[in-house]
């Protein structure tokens, strides 16, 4: 497994050229992560995970890897929800909505419908069809789902949530990776 990371240039600086492999070819994936501080390069989604979960390459069993992805999803859920709660729209939420937004995440929120001005961040693992809880409904953008089922779904969901940015070389996605 090869994961290469470099400090991201500031927005005022000239962007750095991406690293290349020993044969001069480009890596398939580029990921901007850690609040935009780092850029990571790899050929597979599993290799990219090292930027988000440094111990990921040492995990052997699928169960260990799944548990690590879920832990990451929960940590990022809490961080993203806190950022969203700090918005001006939080004051427009009902007391019940504010309570759901600010509640600890050791127990996943149970709501039937979410249409608050602040999105609710949820982890798919705990909601149907994968989990026991009923899946909430809401208008587009009201619910932000983090999906740690596999490496690619986690990366795509974090990209869609704005937590990371993932790009792939045009036409270079491996056959076993679903596109967005």
Protein backbone atom coordinates (compact mmCIF):
# COMPACT_ATOMS: atom_id res chain seq x y z
CA UNK A 1 0.00 0.00 0.00
CA UNK A 2 1.28 3.42 -0.90
CA UNK A 3 -0.10 6.63 0.53
CA UNK A 4 1.84 9.84 -0.04
CA UNK A 5 0.95 13.03 1.85
CA UNK A 6 2.19 16.57 1.45
CA UNK A 7 1.41 19.82 3.21
CA UNK A 8 -1.18 21.75 1.24
CA UNK A 9 -0.06 25.12 -0.08
CA UNK A 10 -1.90 28.12 1.33
CA UNK A 11 -4.48 29.70 -0.93
CA UNK A 12 -2.05 32.57 -1.56
CA UNK A 13 0.79 30.28 -2.64
CA UNK A 14 1.32 28.57 -5.96
CA UNK A 15 -0.08 25.03 -5.75
CA UNK A 16 2.54 22.31 -5.54
CA UNK A 17 2.88 19.80 -8.34
CA UNK A 18 1.43 16.46 -7.29
CA UNK A 19 3.97 13.74 -6.55
CA UNK A 20 4.42 10.98 -9.11
CA UNK A 21 5.20 7.29 -8.73
CA UNK A 22 8.65 5.86 -9.43
CA UNK A 23 7.64 5.16 -13.04
CA UNK A 24 6.60 8.82 -13.51
CA UNK A 25 2.87 8.10 -13.62
CA UNK A 26 0.29 9.89 -11.49
CA UNK A 27 -1.60 8.45 -8.57
CA UNK A 28 -5.27 7.68 -9.25
CA UNK A 29 -6.62 9.64 -6.28
CA UNK A 30 -5.93 12.96 -4.63
CA UNK A 31 -7.54 13.81 -1.29
CA UNK A 32 -7.49 17.15 0.50
CA UNK A 33 -8.10 16.53 4.19
CA UNK A 34 -7.51 17.67 7.76
CA UNK A 35 -9.22 21.01 7.26
CA UNK A 36 -7.41 21.57 3.97
CA UNK A 37 -3.96 21.29 5.56
CA UNK A 38 -2.89 18.13 3.74
CA UNK A 39 -3.06 16.52 0.32
CA UNK A 40 -2.85 12.76 0.03
CA UNK A 41 -2.22 10.63 -3.04
CA UNK A 42 -2.93 6.94 -3.59
CA UNK A 43 -4.11 4.40 -6.13
CA UNK A 44 -6.94 2.84 -4.09
CA UNK A 45 -9.59 4.04 -1.62
CA UNK A 46 -8.09 1.71 1.02
CA UNK A 47 -4.73 3.48 0.64
CA UNK A 48 -6.42 6.90 1.01
CA UNK A 49 -7.86 5.79 4.35
CA UNK A 50 -4.37 6.05 5.85
CA UNK A 51 -4.67 9.85 5.71
CA UNK A 52 -7.83 9.69 7.80
CA UNK A 53 -7.00 6.66 9.97
CA UNK A 54 -3.19 6.37 10.26
CA UNK A 55 -3.33 2.83 11.68
CA UNK A 56 -5.65 1.58 8.90
CA UNK A 57 -2.92 -0.31 6.95
CA UNK A 58 -2.06 -2.37 10.04
CA UNK A 59 -5.66 -3.49 10.57
CA UNK A 60 -6.02 -7.02 9.26
CA UNK A 61 -9.59 -8.21 9.55
CA UNK A 62 -12.56 -6.69 7.75
CA UNK A 63 -14.23 -6.35 11.19
CA UNK A 64 -11.33 -4.23 12.53
CA UNK A 65 -11.37 -2.06 9.42
CA UNK A 66 -15.16 -1.58 9.63
CA UNK A 67 -14.91 -0.62 13.32
CA UNK A 68 -12.18 1.93 12.51
CA UNK A 69 -14.31 3.46 9.74
CA UNK A 70 -17.31 3.70 12.08
CA UNK A 71 -15.18 5.37 14.80
CA UNK A 72 -13.94 7.89 12.22
CA UNK A 73 -17.49 8.50 10.98
CA UNK A 74 -18.69 9.16 14.54
CA UNK A 75 -15.80 11.54 15.29
CA UNK A 76 -16.37 13.48 12.07
CA UNK A 77 -20.13 13.47 12.66
CA UNK A 78 -19.62 15.21 16.01
CA UNK A 79 -17.15 17.71 14.55
CA UNK A 80 -19.32 18.58 11.55
CA UNK A 81 -22.47 18.85 13.68
CA UNK A 82 -20.66 21.26 16.02
CA UNK A 83 -19.61 23.44 13.08
CA UNK A 84 -23.18 23.48 11.75
CA UNK A 85 -24.57 24.26 15.23
CA UNK A 86 -22.36 27.34 15.39
CA UNK A 87 -24.22 28.89 12.44
CA UNK A 88 -26.72 31.74 12.69
CA UNK A 89 -29.48 29.34 11.59
CA UNK A 90 -29.18 27.47 14.90
CA UNK A 91 -31.19 30.23 16.59
CA UNK A 92 -34.05 29.57 14.14
CA UNK A 93 -34.37 25.94 15.29
CA UNK A 94 -37.05 24.89 17.75
CA UNK A 95 -35.89 23.88 21.25
CA UNK A 96 -36.49 20.22 20.29
CA UNK A 97 -34.37 20.60 17.15
CA UNK A 98 -31.62 22.35 19.11
CA UNK A 99 -31.64 19.52 21.63
CA UNK A 100 -31.32 16.92 18.84
CA UNK A 101 -28.43 18.87 17.29
CA UNK A 102 -26.55 19.29 20.58
CA UNK A 103 -27.26 15.86 22.10
CA UNK A 104 -24.31 13.54 22.71
CA UNK A 105 -23.80 11.04 19.91
CA UNK A 106 -23.22 7.99 22.10
CA UNK A 107 -26.83 7.25 21.17
CA UNK A 108 -27.83 8.02 17.57
CA UNK A 109 -30.63 10.59 17.22
CA UNK A 110 -34.09 9.16 16.59
CA UNK A 111 -36.29 11.47 14.53
CA UNK A 112 -38.95 10.68 11.95
CA UNK A 113 -38.60 13.85 9.93
CA UNK A 114 -35.94 16.57 9.92
CA UNK A 115 -36.63 19.93 8.34
CA UNK A 116 -34.71 22.26 10.67
CA UNK A 117 -32.66 25.11 9.18
CA UNK A 118 -29.51 23.35 10.47
CA UNK A 119 -28.79 19.96 8.85
CA UNK A 120 -28.61 16.90 11.07
CA UNK A 121 -25.49 14.77 10.57
CA UNK A 122 -26.09 11.02 10.84
CA UNK A 123 -24.08 7.81 10.37
CA UNK A 124 -25.84 5.27 8.12
CA UNK A 125 -24.65 2.28 10.17
CA UNK A 126 -27.32 2.85 12.81
CA UNK A 127 -30.30 3.39 10.50
CA UNK A 128 -32.26 1.02 8.28
CA UNK A 129 -31.53 -0.90 6.17
CA UNK A 130 -28.14 -1.56 7.84
CA UNK A 131 -29.15 -0.67 11.41
CA UNK A 132 -32.14 -0.96 13.73
CA UNK A 133 -33.35 2.64 13.80
CA UNK A 134 -35.91 4.03 11.37
CA UNK A 135 -34.30 6.20 8.72
CA UNK A 136 -35.43 9.83 9.06
CA UNK A 137 -36.80 11.72 6.09
CA UNK A 138 -36.43 15.35 5.15
CA UNK A 139 -36.03 17.80 2.31
CA UNK A 140 -32.83 17.80 0.28
CA UNK A 141 -29.91 19.04 2.35
CA UNK A 142 -31.67 18.59 5.70
CA UNK A 143 -29.83 15.35 6.47
CA UNK A 144 -26.11 14.78 5.95
CA UNK A 145 -25.25 11.09 5.87
CA UNK A 146 -21.82 9.66 6.59
CA UNK A 147 -21.60 6.12 5.19
CA UNK A 148 -18.74 4.00 6.59
CA UNK A 149 -19.84 0.72 4.91
CA UNK A 150 -16.65 0.52 2.85
CA UNK A 151 -13.70 2.76 2.04
CA UNK A 152 -15.16 4.31 -1.10
CA UNK A 153 -18.62 5.01 0.34
CA UNK A 154 -17.00 6.67 3.35
CA UNK A 155 -14.76 8.83 1.17
CA UNK A 156 -17.64 9.82 -1.12
CA UNK A 157 -19.95 10.68 1.81
CA UNK A 158 -17.24 12.76 3.51
CA UNK A 159 -16.60 14.52 0.19
CA UNK A 160 -20.32 15.24 -0.23
CA UNK A 161 -20.45 16.55 3.36
CA UNK A 162 -17.55 18.91 2.62
CA UNK A 163 -15.24 17.32 5.20
CA UNK A 164 -12.68 16.21 2.60
CA UNK A 165 -12.23 16.66 -1.13
CA UNK A 166 -11.50 13.60 -3.26
CA UNK A 167 -10.61 13.68 -6.95
CA UNK A 168 -9.72 10.86 -9.32
CA UNK A 169 -7.81 10.95 -12.58
CA UNK A 170 -10.18 11.07 -15.53
CA UNK A 171 -11.09 7.52 -16.53
CA UNK A 172 -8.73 6.01 -13.98
CA UNK A 173 -11.16 4.61 -11.41
CA UNK A 174 -10.35 0.97 -10.70
CA UNK A 175 -13.09 -1.45 -11.86
CA UNK A 176 -14.05 -2.37 -8.28
CA UNK A 177 -14.74 1.27 -7.30
CA UNK A 178 -18.16 2.79 -7.85
CA UNK A 179 -18.18 6.36 -9.09
CA UNK A 180 -20.30 9.13 -7.60
